[in-house]
């Protein structure tokens, strides 16, 4: 998922960003309510993690502005205010979930992925399969013909993108946006390098190749 974290505590924001990225998500940060609202309106996010008490614009005010404009992006509210009344207030303001500080990152990750699944039926898929290649999105594991394949986080995201589009051509532009979160061509061979590494891991030791290059177009994963 692409997630916006609006948090004024730099240490906490970086901790959350790092954890979410390690789990395979793309993360943007906003340090205050005004910038958070601007970024939320400017991009298409799958989920927002919103601190309740922010400088410049309160978190609930930010949330209210988004909901008034018809923005239904799932929102997880974080707050040091953990009483029942505070949680009810946050949920009634338009929040999809509410997590009191201090929190476990494991719980935060589970909650934000849960609200993302509720809004996107495709996100509810937890396992992908193309031929004898299998990916478990929850366990973060990949196997081919029962043999475990170890992938780096970026390789995992690249393969996930290809598997979700199995049988279809995935262009270089699509990969740059979905895997690297680039909305421009960096003019490097970063895709070629990662495709080569991925091909070496999922195809090299097996009789039938799955990852195919479509010259002038992109790549296709298929039996």
N, C-alpha and C. Protein backbone atom coordinates (compact mmCIF):
# COMPACT_ATOMS: atom_id res chain seq x y z
N UNK A 1 0.84 -1.20 0.00
CA UNK A 1 0.00 0.00 0.00
C UNK A 1 0.87 1.25 0.00
N UNK A 2 0.30 2.34 -0.49
CA UNK A 2 0.95 3.63 -0.35
C UNK A 2 0.29 4.35 0.83
N UNK A 3 1.10 4.70 1.82
CA UNK A 3 0.59 5.20 3.09
C UNK A 3 1.17 6.58 3.42
N UNK A 4 0.32 7.47 3.88
CA UNK A 4 0.76 8.78 4.36
C UNK A 4 0.74 8.77 5.88
N UNK A 5 1.88 9.10 6.49
CA UNK A 5 1.98 9.19 7.95
C UNK A 5 2.09 10.66 8.33
N UNK A 6 1.12 11.16 9.08
CA UNK A 6 1.13 12.55 9.53
C UNK A 6 1.44 12.54 11.02
N UNK A 7 2.67 12.87 11.35
CA UNK A 7 3.17 12.76 12.72
C UNK A 7 4.25 13.82 12.94
N UNK A 8 4.10 14.63 14.00
CA UNK A 8 5.06 15.71 14.23
C UNK A 8 6.29 15.26 15.01
N UNK A 9 6.22 14.12 15.66
CA UNK A 9 7.37 13.57 16.39
C UNK A 9 8.29 12.89 15.37
N UNK A 10 9.45 13.50 15.08
CA UNK A 10 10.33 13.00 14.03
C UNK A 10 10.81 11.57 14.30
N UNK A 11 11.14 11.27 15.55
CA UNK A 11 11.65 9.95 15.89
C UNK A 11 10.56 8.90 15.67
N UNK A 12 9.36 9.20 16.16
CA UNK A 12 8.24 8.27 16.01
C UNK A 12 7.87 8.09 14.54
N UNK A 13 7.88 9.19 13.79
CA UNK A 13 7.52 9.12 12.37
C UNK A 13 8.51 8.25 11.60
N UNK A 14 9.79 8.43 11.88
CA UNK A 14 10.81 7.66 11.19
C UNK A 14 10.73 6.18 11.56
N UNK A 15 10.42 5.90 12.82
CA UNK A 15 10.27 4.53 13.29
C UNK A 15 9.13 3.83 12.55
N UNK A 16 8.01 4.53 12.43
CA UNK A 16 6.86 3.97 11.72
C UNK A 16 7.17 3.81 10.23
N UNK A 17 7.79 4.83 9.65
CA UNK A 17 8.12 4.78 8.22
C UNK A 17 9.02 3.59 7.92
N UNK A 18 10.06 3.41 8.72
CA UNK A 18 11.00 2.31 8.48
C UNK A 18 10.30 0.96 8.59
N UNK A 19 9.48 0.80 9.62
CA UNK A 19 8.78 -0.46 9.81
C UNK A 19 7.82 -0.78 8.67
N UNK A 20 7.09 0.23 8.23
CA UNK A 20 6.13 0.02 7.13
C UNK A 20 6.85 -0.31 5.83
N UNK A 21 7.97 0.35 5.58
CA UNK A 21 8.73 0.06 4.37
C UNK A 21 9.32 -1.34 4.41
N UNK A 22 9.78 -1.77 5.57
CA UNK A 22 10.29 -3.13 5.70
C UNK A 22 9.20 -4.16 5.45
N UNK A 23 7.95 -3.77 5.71
CA UNK A 23 6.81 -4.67 5.47
C UNK A 23 6.34 -4.60 4.01
N UNK A 24 7.03 -3.79 3.20
CA UNK A 24 6.73 -3.75 1.77
C UNK A 24 5.85 -2.61 1.30
N UNK A 25 5.58 -1.64 2.19
CA UNK A 25 4.71 -0.52 1.81
C UNK A 25 5.53 0.70 1.38
N UNK A 26 4.89 1.59 0.66
CA UNK A 26 5.49 2.87 0.26
C UNK A 26 4.97 3.93 1.22
N UNK A 27 5.87 4.75 1.77
CA UNK A 27 5.47 5.66 2.84
C UNK A 27 5.93 7.10 2.57
N UNK A 28 5.01 8.05 2.77
CA UNK A 28 5.32 9.47 2.76
C UNK A 28 5.09 10.02 4.16
N UNK A 29 5.86 11.05 4.52
CA UNK A 29 5.74 11.66 5.85
C UNK A 29 5.32 13.12 5.74
N UNK A 30 4.49 13.56 6.69
CA UNK A 30 4.12 14.97 6.82
C UNK A 30 4.25 15.34 8.29
N UNK A 31 4.96 16.44 8.62
CA UNK A 31 5.23 16.78 10.02
C UNK A 31 4.17 17.66 10.68
N UNK A 32 3.16 18.11 9.93
CA UNK A 32 2.13 18.95 10.54
C UNK A 32 0.81 18.79 9.79
N UNK A 33 -0.25 19.32 10.38
CA UNK A 33 -1.57 19.13 9.82
C UNK A 33 -1.80 19.80 8.48
N UNK A 34 -1.24 20.98 8.29
CA UNK A 34 -1.42 21.69 7.01
C UNK A 34 -0.79 20.93 5.86
N UNK A 35 0.47 20.51 6.04
CA UNK A 35 1.15 19.77 4.98
C UNK A 35 0.49 18.40 4.78
N UNK A 36 0.05 17.80 5.89
CA UNK A 36 -0.62 16.52 5.78
C UNK A 36 -1.87 16.60 4.93
N UNK A 37 -2.67 17.64 5.13
CA UNK A 37 -3.89 17.83 4.35
C UNK A 37 -3.54 18.06 2.88
N UNK A 38 -2.54 18.87 2.64
CA UNK A 38 -2.12 19.17 1.27
C UNK A 38 -1.67 17.90 0.55
N UNK A 39 -0.86 17.08 1.24
CA UNK A 39 -0.36 15.85 0.62
C UNK A 39 -1.48 14.84 0.41
N UNK A 40 -2.40 14.75 1.37
CA UNK A 40 -3.51 13.80 1.26
C UNK A 40 -4.40 14.13 0.07
N UNK A 41 -4.55 15.43 -0.22
CA UNK A 41 -5.38 15.85 -1.36
C UNK A 41 -4.66 15.67 -2.69
N UNK A 42 -3.33 15.76 -2.64
CA UNK A 42 -2.55 15.77 -3.88
C UNK A 42 -2.27 14.38 -4.43
N UNK A 43 -2.31 13.34 -3.58
CA UNK A 43 -1.95 12.00 -4.03
C UNK A 43 -3.03 10.99 -3.66
N UNK A 44 -2.97 9.85 -4.29
CA UNK A 44 -3.94 8.79 -4.05
C UNK A 44 -3.35 7.78 -3.08
N UNK A 45 -3.69 7.89 -1.81
CA UNK A 45 -3.14 6.99 -0.79
C UNK A 45 -4.11 5.86 -0.48
N UNK A 46 -3.54 4.73 -0.09
CA UNK A 46 -4.36 3.58 0.30
C UNK A 46 -4.77 3.66 1.77
N UNK A 47 -4.00 4.41 2.56
CA UNK A 47 -4.32 4.57 3.99
C UNK A 47 -3.55 5.76 4.55
N UNK A 48 -4.11 6.37 5.59
CA UNK A 48 -3.45 7.45 6.32
C UNK A 48 -3.28 7.02 7.77
N UNK A 49 -2.11 7.32 8.32
CA UNK A 49 -1.87 7.16 9.76
C UNK A 49 -1.74 8.57 10.30
N UNK A 50 -2.67 8.94 11.16
CA UNK A 50 -2.83 10.34 11.54
C UNK A 50 -2.70 10.55 13.04
N UNK A 51 -1.69 11.33 13.43
CA UNK A 51 -1.57 11.70 14.84
C UNK A 51 -2.67 12.70 15.16
N UNK A 52 -3.25 12.57 16.34
CA UNK A 52 -4.39 13.43 16.67
C UNK A 52 -3.96 14.86 16.99
N UNK A 53 -2.91 15.01 17.75
CA UNK A 53 -2.47 16.36 18.17
C UNK A 53 -1.28 16.79 17.31
N UNK A 54 -1.56 17.68 16.35
CA UNK A 54 -0.56 18.13 15.40
C UNK A 54 -0.41 19.64 15.43
N UNK A 55 0.77 20.15 15.07
CA UNK A 55 0.92 21.60 14.92
C UNK A 55 0.20 22.08 13.67
N UNK A 56 -0.21 23.35 13.68
CA UNK A 56 -0.84 24.05 12.55
C UNK A 56 -2.29 23.63 12.29
N UNK A 57 -2.57 22.34 12.38
CA UNK A 57 -3.94 21.87 12.15
C UNK A 57 -4.14 20.57 12.92
N UNK A 58 -5.14 20.55 13.79
CA UNK A 58 -5.42 19.37 14.59
C UNK A 58 -5.76 18.18 13.69
N UNK A 59 -5.39 16.97 14.15
CA UNK A 59 -5.63 15.78 13.36
C UNK A 59 -7.09 15.54 13.03
N UNK A 60 -7.97 15.77 14.00
CA UNK A 60 -9.39 15.56 13.75
C UNK A 60 -9.94 16.61 12.80
N UNK A 61 -9.40 17.82 12.86
CA UNK A 61 -9.80 18.86 11.91
C UNK A 61 -9.39 18.48 10.50
N UNK A 62 -8.16 17.96 10.37
CA UNK A 62 -7.67 17.50 9.07
C UNK A 62 -8.59 16.39 8.53
N UNK A 63 -8.91 15.46 9.40
CA UNK A 63 -9.77 14.34 9.01
C UNK A 63 -11.15 14.84 8.58
N UNK A 64 -11.70 15.78 9.33
CA UNK A 64 -13.01 16.33 9.00
C UNK A 64 -13.00 17.01 7.64
N UNK A 65 -11.92 17.74 7.34
CA UNK A 65 -11.81 18.41 6.04
C UNK A 65 -11.81 17.40 4.90
N UNK A 66 -11.07 16.29 5.09
CA UNK A 66 -11.02 15.26 4.05
C UNK A 66 -12.39 14.63 3.84
N UNK A 67 -13.07 14.31 4.94
CA UNK A 67 -14.37 13.65 4.82
C UNK A 67 -15.41 14.58 4.20
N UNK A 68 -15.34 15.87 4.50
CA UNK A 68 -16.29 16.83 3.92
C UNK A 68 -16.13 16.92 2.41
N UNK A 69 -14.92 16.66 1.93
CA UNK A 69 -14.66 16.72 0.49
C UNK A 69 -14.91 15.38 -0.18
N UNK A 70 -15.40 14.41 0.60
CA UNK A 70 -15.73 13.11 0.02
C UNK A 70 -14.57 12.15 -0.08
N UNK A 71 -13.46 12.47 0.59
CA UNK A 71 -12.29 11.59 0.58
C UNK A 71 -12.53 10.45 1.57
N UNK A 72 -12.60 9.21 1.06
CA UNK A 72 -12.91 8.05 1.91
C UNK A 72 -11.68 7.22 2.24
N UNK A 73 -10.49 7.78 2.03
CA UNK A 73 -9.26 7.04 2.34
C UNK A 73 -9.29 6.53 3.78
N UNK A 74 -9.02 5.25 4.02
CA UNK A 74 -9.01 4.72 5.39
C UNK A 74 -8.01 5.44 6.27
N UNK A 75 -8.41 5.77 7.51
CA UNK A 75 -7.55 6.52 8.42
C UNK A 75 -7.43 5.81 9.76
N UNK A 76 -6.18 5.60 10.17
CA UNK A 76 -5.88 5.09 11.51
C UNK A 76 -5.40 6.27 12.34
N UNK A 77 -6.10 6.58 13.41
CA UNK A 77 -5.75 7.70 14.28
C UNK A 77 -4.83 7.20 15.40
N UNK A 78 -3.73 7.92 15.61
CA UNK A 78 -2.82 7.65 16.73
C UNK A 78 -2.96 8.78 17.74
N UNK A 79 -3.01 8.44 19.03
CA UNK A 79 -3.16 9.49 20.01
C UNK A 79 -2.74 9.03 21.40
N UNK A 80 -2.19 9.99 22.16
CA UNK A 80 -1.88 9.73 23.56
C UNK A 80 -3.15 9.77 24.40
N UNK A 81 -4.24 10.27 23.78
CA UNK A 81 -5.54 10.32 24.45
C UNK A 81 -6.24 8.98 24.23
N UNK A 82 -6.22 8.13 25.24
CA UNK A 82 -6.69 6.78 25.04
C UNK A 82 -7.96 6.40 25.76
N UNK A 83 -8.66 7.39 26.34
CA UNK A 83 -9.91 7.08 27.02
C UNK A 83 -11.00 6.74 26.00
N UNK A 84 -12.01 6.02 26.46
CA UNK A 84 -13.08 5.59 25.56
C UNK A 84 -13.72 6.77 24.84
N UNK A 85 -13.97 7.86 25.57
CA UNK A 85 -14.60 9.04 24.96
C UNK A 85 -13.75 9.61 23.83
N UNK A 86 -12.43 9.59 24.02
CA UNK A 86 -11.52 10.10 22.98
C UNK A 86 -11.58 9.21 21.74
N UNK A 87 -11.63 7.90 21.95
CA UNK A 87 -11.70 6.97 20.82
C UNK A 87 -13.01 7.15 20.06
N UNK A 88 -14.10 7.28 20.79
CA UNK A 88 -15.41 7.48 20.16
C UNK A 88 -15.41 8.76 19.34
N UNK A 89 -14.82 9.82 19.91
CA UNK A 89 -14.76 11.10 19.20
C UNK A 89 -13.99 10.96 17.89
N UNK A 90 -12.86 10.25 17.94
CA UNK A 90 -12.06 10.06 16.74
C UNK A 90 -12.76 9.25 15.67
N UNK A 91 -13.46 8.20 16.10
CA UNK A 91 -14.18 7.36 15.14
C UNK A 91 -15.36 8.10 14.54
N UNK A 92 -16.05 8.89 15.36
CA UNK A 92 -17.19 9.65 14.84
C UNK A 92 -16.75 10.79 13.94
N UNK A 93 -15.50 11.23 14.08
CA UNK A 93 -14.99 12.29 13.22
C UNK A 93 -14.65 11.75 11.82
N UNK A 94 -14.69 10.42 11.68
CA UNK A 94 -14.41 9.83 10.37
C UNK A 94 -13.27 8.85 10.35
N UNK A 95 -12.67 8.59 11.52
CA UNK A 95 -11.57 7.62 11.58
C UNK A 95 -12.08 6.20 11.41
N UNK A 96 -11.26 5.35 10.81
CA UNK A 96 -11.64 3.95 10.62
C UNK A 96 -11.14 3.08 11.77
N UNK A 97 -10.12 3.56 12.47
CA UNK A 97 -9.60 2.84 13.63
C UNK A 97 -8.85 3.84 14.49
N UNK A 98 -8.61 3.45 15.74
CA UNK A 98 -8.00 4.37 16.70
C UNK A 98 -7.04 3.56 17.56
N UNK A 99 -5.79 4.01 17.64
CA UNK A 99 -4.77 3.29 18.40
C UNK A 99 -4.12 4.25 19.39
N UNK A 100 -4.20 3.90 20.67
CA UNK A 100 -3.65 4.77 21.72
C UNK A 100 -2.14 4.56 21.87
N UNK A 101 -1.43 5.63 22.15
CA UNK A 101 0.00 5.57 22.45
C UNK A 101 0.20 5.27 23.93
N UNK A 102 1.27 4.56 24.29
CA UNK A 102 2.24 3.90 23.41
C UNK A 102 1.64 2.66 22.77
N UNK A 103 2.13 2.32 21.61
CA UNK A 103 1.57 1.20 20.88
C UNK A 103 2.69 0.25 20.42
N UNK A 104 2.30 -0.96 20.10
CA UNK A 104 3.22 -1.93 19.51
C UNK A 104 3.19 -1.73 18.00
N UNK A 105 4.37 -1.69 17.36
CA UNK A 105 4.38 -1.51 15.92
C UNK A 105 3.68 -2.66 15.23
N UNK A 106 3.81 -3.86 15.77
CA UNK A 106 3.15 -5.03 15.18
C UNK A 106 1.65 -4.82 15.11
N UNK A 107 1.08 -4.24 16.18
CA UNK A 107 -0.36 -3.98 16.20
C UNK A 107 -0.71 -2.87 15.21
N UNK A 108 0.13 -1.83 15.16
CA UNK A 108 -0.12 -0.74 14.21
C UNK A 108 -0.14 -1.29 12.78
N UNK A 109 0.83 -2.12 12.45
CA UNK A 109 0.91 -2.70 11.10
C UNK A 109 -0.33 -3.52 10.79
N UNK A 110 -0.74 -4.35 11.75
CA UNK A 110 -1.92 -5.19 11.53
C UNK A 110 -3.17 -4.34 11.33
N UNK A 111 -3.29 -3.27 12.10
CA UNK A 111 -4.48 -2.41 12.00
C UNK A 111 -4.52 -1.64 10.68
N UNK A 112 -3.39 -1.10 10.27
CA UNK A 112 -3.40 -0.30 9.03
C UNK A 112 -3.61 -1.22 7.82
N UNK A 113 -3.08 -2.43 7.86
CA UNK A 113 -3.30 -3.36 6.75
C UNK A 113 -4.76 -3.83 6.74
N UNK A 114 -5.35 -3.94 7.93
CA UNK A 114 -6.76 -4.35 8.01
C UNK A 114 -7.69 -3.30 7.41
N UNK A 115 -7.47 -2.02 7.73
CA UNK A 115 -8.35 -0.99 7.17
C UNK A 115 -8.12 -0.85 5.67
N UNK A 116 -6.89 -1.14 5.24
CA UNK A 116 -6.62 -1.12 3.80
C UNK A 116 -7.35 -2.23 3.08
N UNK A 117 -7.42 -3.42 3.68
CA UNK A 117 -8.13 -4.54 3.07
C UNK A 117 -9.62 -4.27 2.99
N UNK A 118 -10.16 -3.62 4.01
CA UNK A 118 -11.60 -3.36 4.00
C UNK A 118 -11.99 -2.42 2.86
N UNK A 119 -11.09 -1.51 2.49
CA UNK A 119 -11.42 -0.54 1.44
C UNK A 119 -11.09 -1.05 0.05
N UNK A 120 -10.20 -2.06 -0.03
CA UNK A 120 -9.78 -2.58 -1.33
C UNK A 120 -9.94 -4.09 -1.34
N UNK A 121 -10.97 -4.62 -2.01
CA UNK A 121 -11.20 -6.06 -2.04
C UNK A 121 -9.99 -6.84 -2.54
N UNK A 122 -9.21 -6.25 -3.47
CA UNK A 122 -8.04 -6.95 -3.99
C UNK A 122 -6.96 -7.12 -2.94
N UNK A 123 -6.94 -6.19 -1.97
CA UNK A 123 -5.91 -6.25 -0.94
C UNK A 123 -6.15 -7.40 0.02
N UNK A 124 -7.38 -7.94 0.03
CA UNK A 124 -7.70 -9.04 0.94
C UNK A 124 -7.01 -10.33 0.53
N UNK A 125 -6.52 -10.39 -0.71
CA UNK A 125 -5.80 -11.57 -1.16
C UNK A 125 -4.52 -11.70 -0.37
N UNK A 126 -4.28 -12.86 0.21
CA UNK A 126 -3.08 -13.06 1.02
C UNK A 126 -2.09 -14.01 0.37
N UNK A 127 -2.52 -14.70 -0.70
CA UNK A 127 -1.62 -15.62 -1.40
C UNK A 127 -1.77 -15.44 -2.90
N UNK A 128 -0.65 -15.47 -3.60
CA UNK A 128 -0.64 -15.35 -5.05
C UNK A 128 0.01 -16.60 -5.63
N UNK A 129 -0.46 -17.02 -6.81
CA UNK A 129 0.08 -18.24 -7.41
C UNK A 129 0.12 -18.10 -8.93
N UNK A 130 1.26 -18.39 -9.51
CA UNK A 130 1.43 -18.43 -10.96
C UNK A 130 2.18 -19.72 -11.27
N UNK A 131 1.49 -20.68 -11.86
CA UNK A 131 2.12 -21.98 -12.09
C UNK A 131 2.51 -22.61 -10.77
N UNK A 132 3.78 -23.00 -10.65
CA UNK A 132 4.27 -23.60 -9.41
C UNK A 132 4.96 -22.58 -8.50
N UNK A 133 4.80 -21.28 -8.85
CA UNK A 133 5.37 -20.20 -8.04
C UNK A 133 4.30 -19.67 -7.10
N UNK A 134 4.59 -19.66 -5.81
CA UNK A 134 3.62 -19.25 -4.80
C UNK A 134 4.21 -18.17 -3.89
N UNK A 135 3.38 -17.17 -3.58
CA UNK A 135 3.78 -16.08 -2.69
C UNK A 135 2.77 -15.95 -1.57
N UNK A 136 3.27 -15.94 -0.33
CA UNK A 136 2.42 -15.71 0.84
C UNK A 136 2.68 -14.29 1.30
N UNK A 137 1.67 -13.42 1.13
CA UNK A 137 1.86 -12.00 1.43
C UNK A 137 1.93 -11.72 2.92
N UNK A 138 1.35 -12.57 3.75
CA UNK A 138 1.39 -12.36 5.19
C UNK A 138 2.69 -12.88 5.78
N UNK A 139 3.09 -14.07 5.37
CA UNK A 139 4.34 -14.65 5.89
C UNK A 139 5.56 -14.07 5.18
N UNK A 140 5.33 -13.35 4.06
CA UNK A 140 6.41 -12.75 3.25
C UNK A 140 7.35 -13.83 2.74
N UNK A 141 6.79 -14.92 2.25
CA UNK A 141 7.59 -16.02 1.74
C UNK A 141 7.26 -16.31 0.29
N UNK A 142 8.22 -16.87 -0.43
CA UNK A 142 8.04 -17.25 -1.83
C UNK A 142 8.58 -18.67 -2.00
N UNK A 143 7.83 -19.49 -2.71
CA UNK A 143 8.27 -20.85 -3.01
C UNK A 143 7.97 -21.17 -4.47
N UNK A 144 8.87 -21.97 -5.05
CA UNK A 144 8.60 -22.49 -6.38
C UNK A 144 8.81 -23.99 -6.35
N UNK A 145 7.80 -24.70 -6.78
CA UNK A 145 7.82 -26.17 -6.74
C UNK A 145 8.18 -26.65 -5.33
N UNK A 146 7.68 -25.92 -4.32
CA UNK A 146 7.92 -26.28 -2.93
C UNK A 146 9.25 -25.83 -2.37
N UNK A 147 10.10 -25.28 -3.22
CA UNK A 147 11.43 -24.84 -2.79
C UNK A 147 11.40 -23.37 -2.38
N UNK A 148 11.87 -23.09 -1.17
CA UNK A 148 11.83 -21.72 -0.67
C UNK A 148 12.84 -20.84 -1.39
N UNK A 149 12.38 -19.64 -1.77
CA UNK A 149 13.24 -18.67 -2.46
C UNK A 149 13.36 -17.42 -1.60
N UNK A 150 14.58 -17.04 -1.29
CA UNK A 150 14.82 -15.87 -0.44
C UNK A 150 14.94 -14.62 -1.30
N UNK A 151 14.11 -13.62 -0.99
CA UNK A 151 14.12 -12.37 -1.74
C UNK A 151 14.36 -11.19 -0.83
N UNK A 152 15.05 -10.17 -1.36
CA UNK A 152 15.19 -8.90 -0.66
C UNK A 152 13.85 -8.17 -0.73
N UNK A 153 13.58 -7.21 0.19
CA UNK A 153 12.29 -6.51 0.20
C UNK A 153 11.88 -5.93 -1.15
N UNK A 154 12.83 -5.30 -1.86
CA UNK A 154 12.48 -4.71 -3.16
C UNK A 154 12.18 -5.79 -4.19
N UNK A 155 12.90 -6.89 -4.15
CA UNK A 155 12.65 -8.00 -5.06
C UNK A 155 11.26 -8.60 -4.79
N UNK A 156 10.89 -8.66 -3.51
CA UNK A 156 9.58 -9.19 -3.13
C UNK A 156 8.48 -8.30 -3.71
N UNK A 157 8.62 -6.99 -3.57
CA UNK A 157 7.62 -6.06 -4.10
C UNK A 157 7.55 -6.14 -5.62
N UNK A 158 8.70 -6.30 -6.26
CA UNK A 158 8.73 -6.42 -7.72
C UNK A 158 7.99 -7.68 -8.16
N UNK A 159 8.27 -8.80 -7.50
CA UNK A 159 7.60 -10.04 -7.86
C UNK A 159 6.11 -9.96 -7.56
N UNK A 160 5.74 -9.34 -6.44
CA UNK A 160 4.32 -9.19 -6.11
C UNK A 160 3.59 -8.42 -7.21
N UNK A 161 4.20 -7.35 -7.67
CA UNK A 161 3.59 -6.54 -8.74
C UNK A 161 3.39 -7.38 -9.99
N UNK A 162 4.39 -8.17 -10.34
CA UNK A 162 4.30 -9.01 -11.53
C UNK A 162 3.26 -10.11 -11.36
N UNK A 163 3.20 -10.70 -10.17
CA UNK A 163 2.24 -11.78 -9.92
C UNK A 163 0.81 -11.27 -9.89
N UNK A 164 0.61 -10.07 -9.36
CA UNK A 164 -0.74 -9.49 -9.34
C UNK A 164 -1.22 -9.17 -10.76
N UNK A 165 -0.28 -9.05 -11.68
CA UNK A 165 -0.62 -8.76 -13.08
C UNK A 165 -0.23 -9.92 -13.99
N UNK A 166 -0.26 -11.12 -13.46
CA UNK A 166 0.16 -12.31 -14.21
C UNK A 166 -0.56 -12.41 -15.55
N UNK A 167 0.23 -12.69 -16.60
CA UNK A 167 -0.33 -12.83 -17.94
C UNK A 167 -0.43 -11.53 -18.70
N UNK A 168 -0.22 -10.40 -18.00
CA UNK A 168 -0.30 -9.09 -18.64
C UNK A 168 1.08 -8.44 -18.67
N UNK A 169 1.30 -7.59 -19.65
CA UNK A 169 2.56 -6.86 -19.73
C UNK A 169 2.57 -5.77 -18.67
N UNK A 170 3.64 -5.74 -17.87
CA UNK A 170 3.83 -4.68 -16.88
C UNK A 170 4.94 -3.78 -17.42
N UNK A 171 4.61 -2.53 -17.68
CA UNK A 171 5.58 -1.62 -18.28
C UNK A 171 6.60 -1.14 -17.27
N UNK A 172 7.68 -0.59 -17.77
CA UNK A 172 8.72 -0.05 -16.90
C UNK A 172 8.17 1.11 -16.07
N UNK A 173 7.32 1.92 -16.68
CA UNK A 173 6.71 3.04 -15.95
C UNK A 173 5.86 2.53 -14.79
N UNK A 174 5.10 1.48 -15.03
CA UNK A 174 4.28 0.89 -13.97
C UNK A 174 5.16 0.39 -12.83
N UNK A 175 6.26 -0.26 -13.16
CA UNK A 175 7.16 -0.78 -12.13
C UNK A 175 7.81 0.35 -11.34
N UNK A 176 8.22 1.41 -12.03
CA UNK A 176 8.83 2.55 -11.33
C UNK A 176 7.86 3.15 -10.33
N UNK A 177 6.60 3.25 -10.71
CA UNK A 177 5.59 3.85 -9.82
C UNK A 177 5.21 2.92 -8.68
N UNK A 178 4.95 1.65 -8.99
CA UNK A 178 4.43 0.73 -7.99
C UNK A 178 5.49 0.15 -7.06
N UNK A 179 6.71 -0.05 -7.57
CA UNK A 179 7.76 -0.70 -6.78
C UNK A 179 8.73 0.31 -6.17
N UNK A 180 9.05 1.35 -6.93
CA UNK A 180 10.01 2.34 -6.44
C UNK A 180 9.36 3.66 -6.03
N UNK A 181 8.08 3.82 -6.33
CA UNK A 181 7.36 5.06 -6.05
C UNK A 181 8.00 6.25 -6.78
N UNK A 182 8.54 6.00 -7.96
CA UNK A 182 9.07 7.06 -8.81
C UNK A 182 7.98 7.47 -9.79
N UNK A 183 7.80 8.77 -9.95
CA UNK A 183 6.85 9.26 -10.94
C UNK A 183 7.59 10.00 -12.04
N UNK A 184 8.81 9.52 -12.28
CA UNK A 184 9.66 10.05 -13.34
C UNK A 184 10.66 8.95 -13.69
N UNK A 185 11.30 9.07 -14.84
CA UNK A 185 12.30 8.09 -15.24
C UNK A 185 13.65 8.52 -14.69
N UNK A 186 14.24 7.75 -13.74
CA UNK A 186 15.52 8.15 -13.15
C UNK A 186 16.70 7.98 -14.09
N UNK A 187 16.43 7.45 -15.29
CA UNK A 187 17.49 7.25 -16.29
C UNK A 187 18.62 6.37 -15.75
N UNK A 188 18.25 5.31 -15.07
CA UNK A 188 19.23 4.34 -14.58
C UNK A 188 18.76 2.94 -14.99
N UNK A 189 19.61 1.95 -14.75
CA UNK A 189 19.25 0.57 -15.08
C UNK A 189 18.74 -0.18 -13.86
N UNK A 190 18.14 0.54 -12.91
CA UNK A 190 17.70 -0.07 -11.67
C UNK A 190 16.70 -1.20 -11.91
N UNK A 191 15.80 -1.04 -12.87
CA UNK A 191 14.82 -2.10 -13.16
C UNK A 191 15.52 -3.32 -13.75
N UNK A 192 16.41 -3.09 -14.69
CA UNK A 192 17.11 -4.20 -15.34
C UNK A 192 17.90 -5.03 -14.32
N UNK A 193 18.56 -4.33 -13.40
CA UNK A 193 19.35 -5.02 -12.38
C UNK A 193 18.47 -5.90 -11.51
N UNK A 194 17.34 -5.35 -11.05
CA UNK A 194 16.46 -6.12 -10.17
C UNK A 194 15.74 -7.24 -10.91
N UNK A 195 15.37 -7.01 -12.15
CA UNK A 195 14.75 -8.07 -12.95
C UNK A 195 15.73 -9.22 -13.14
N UNK A 196 16.99 -8.88 -13.42
CA UNK A 196 18.01 -9.90 -13.61
C UNK A 196 18.20 -10.73 -12.35
N UNK A 197 18.26 -10.06 -11.19
CA UNK A 197 18.41 -10.77 -9.93
C UNK A 197 17.20 -11.65 -9.65
N UNK A 198 16.01 -11.11 -9.91
CA UNK A 198 14.79 -11.86 -9.66
C UNK A 198 14.71 -13.08 -10.57
N UNK A 199 15.05 -12.89 -11.83
CA UNK A 199 15.02 -14.00 -12.78
C UNK A 199 15.99 -15.11 -12.34
N UNK A 200 17.15 -14.70 -11.83
CA UNK A 200 18.13 -15.67 -11.36
C UNK A 200 17.62 -16.50 -10.20
N UNK A 201 16.71 -15.92 -9.41
CA UNK A 201 16.19 -16.62 -8.24
C UNK A 201 14.97 -17.48 -8.53
N UNK A 202 14.08 -17.00 -9.40
CA UNK A 202 12.84 -17.75 -9.61
C UNK A 202 12.86 -18.63 -10.85
N UNK A 203 13.83 -18.43 -11.76
CA UNK A 203 13.85 -19.20 -13.00
C UNK A 203 15.09 -20.07 -13.21
N UNK A 204 16.23 -19.61 -12.71
CA UNK A 204 17.51 -20.23 -13.07
C UNK A 204 17.57 -21.73 -12.77
N UNK A 205 17.07 -22.15 -11.63
CA UNK A 205 17.18 -23.56 -11.24
C UNK A 205 15.99 -24.40 -11.69
N UNK A 206 15.14 -23.84 -12.54
CA UNK A 206 13.93 -24.56 -12.94
C UNK A 206 13.85 -24.70 -14.47
N UNK A 207 13.15 -25.73 -14.91
CA UNK A 207 13.10 -26.04 -16.35
C UNK A 207 12.34 -25.00 -17.16
N UNK A 208 11.22 -24.52 -16.62
CA UNK A 208 10.37 -23.61 -17.38
C UNK A 208 10.48 -22.18 -16.86
N UNK A 209 10.90 -21.23 -17.69
CA UNK A 209 10.98 -19.83 -17.24
C UNK A 209 9.59 -19.22 -17.10
N UNK A 210 9.43 -18.37 -16.09
CA UNK A 210 8.16 -17.68 -15.86
C UNK A 210 8.24 -16.20 -16.19
N UNK A 211 9.41 -15.61 -16.00
CA UNK A 211 9.57 -14.17 -16.18
C UNK A 211 10.09 -13.88 -17.58
N UNK A 212 9.27 -13.22 -18.38
CA UNK A 212 9.59 -12.98 -19.78
C UNK A 212 9.74 -11.48 -20.05
N UNK A 213 10.71 -11.13 -20.89
CA UNK A 213 10.89 -9.76 -21.34
C UNK A 213 10.09 -9.55 -22.63
N UNK A 214 9.27 -8.53 -22.65
CA UNK A 214 8.52 -8.17 -23.85
C UNK A 214 9.20 -6.94 -24.44
N UNK A 215 10.01 -7.14 -25.44
CA UNK A 215 10.85 -6.07 -25.96
C UNK A 215 10.05 -4.84 -26.37
N UNK A 216 10.53 -3.70 -25.90
CA UNK A 216 9.88 -2.44 -26.22
C UNK A 216 8.63 -2.16 -25.42
N UNK A 217 8.27 -3.09 -24.51
CA UNK A 217 7.03 -2.91 -23.75
C UNK A 217 7.25 -3.03 -22.24
N UNK A 218 7.87 -4.14 -21.82
CA UNK A 218 8.07 -4.33 -20.38
C UNK A 218 8.32 -5.79 -20.06
N UNK A 219 7.60 -6.31 -19.05
CA UNK A 219 7.82 -7.67 -18.60
C UNK A 219 6.48 -8.35 -18.34
N UNK A 220 6.51 -9.68 -18.47
CA UNK A 220 5.29 -10.44 -18.24
C UNK A 220 5.63 -11.72 -17.47
N UNK A 221 4.86 -12.01 -16.43
CA UNK A 221 5.04 -13.23 -15.67
C UNK A 221 3.93 -14.19 -16.06
N UNK A 222 4.29 -15.34 -16.64
CA UNK A 222 3.26 -16.30 -17.02
C UNK A 222 3.89 -17.65 -17.26
N UNK A 223 3.05 -18.68 -17.17
CA UNK A 223 3.48 -20.04 -17.46
C UNK A 223 3.57 -20.18 -18.97
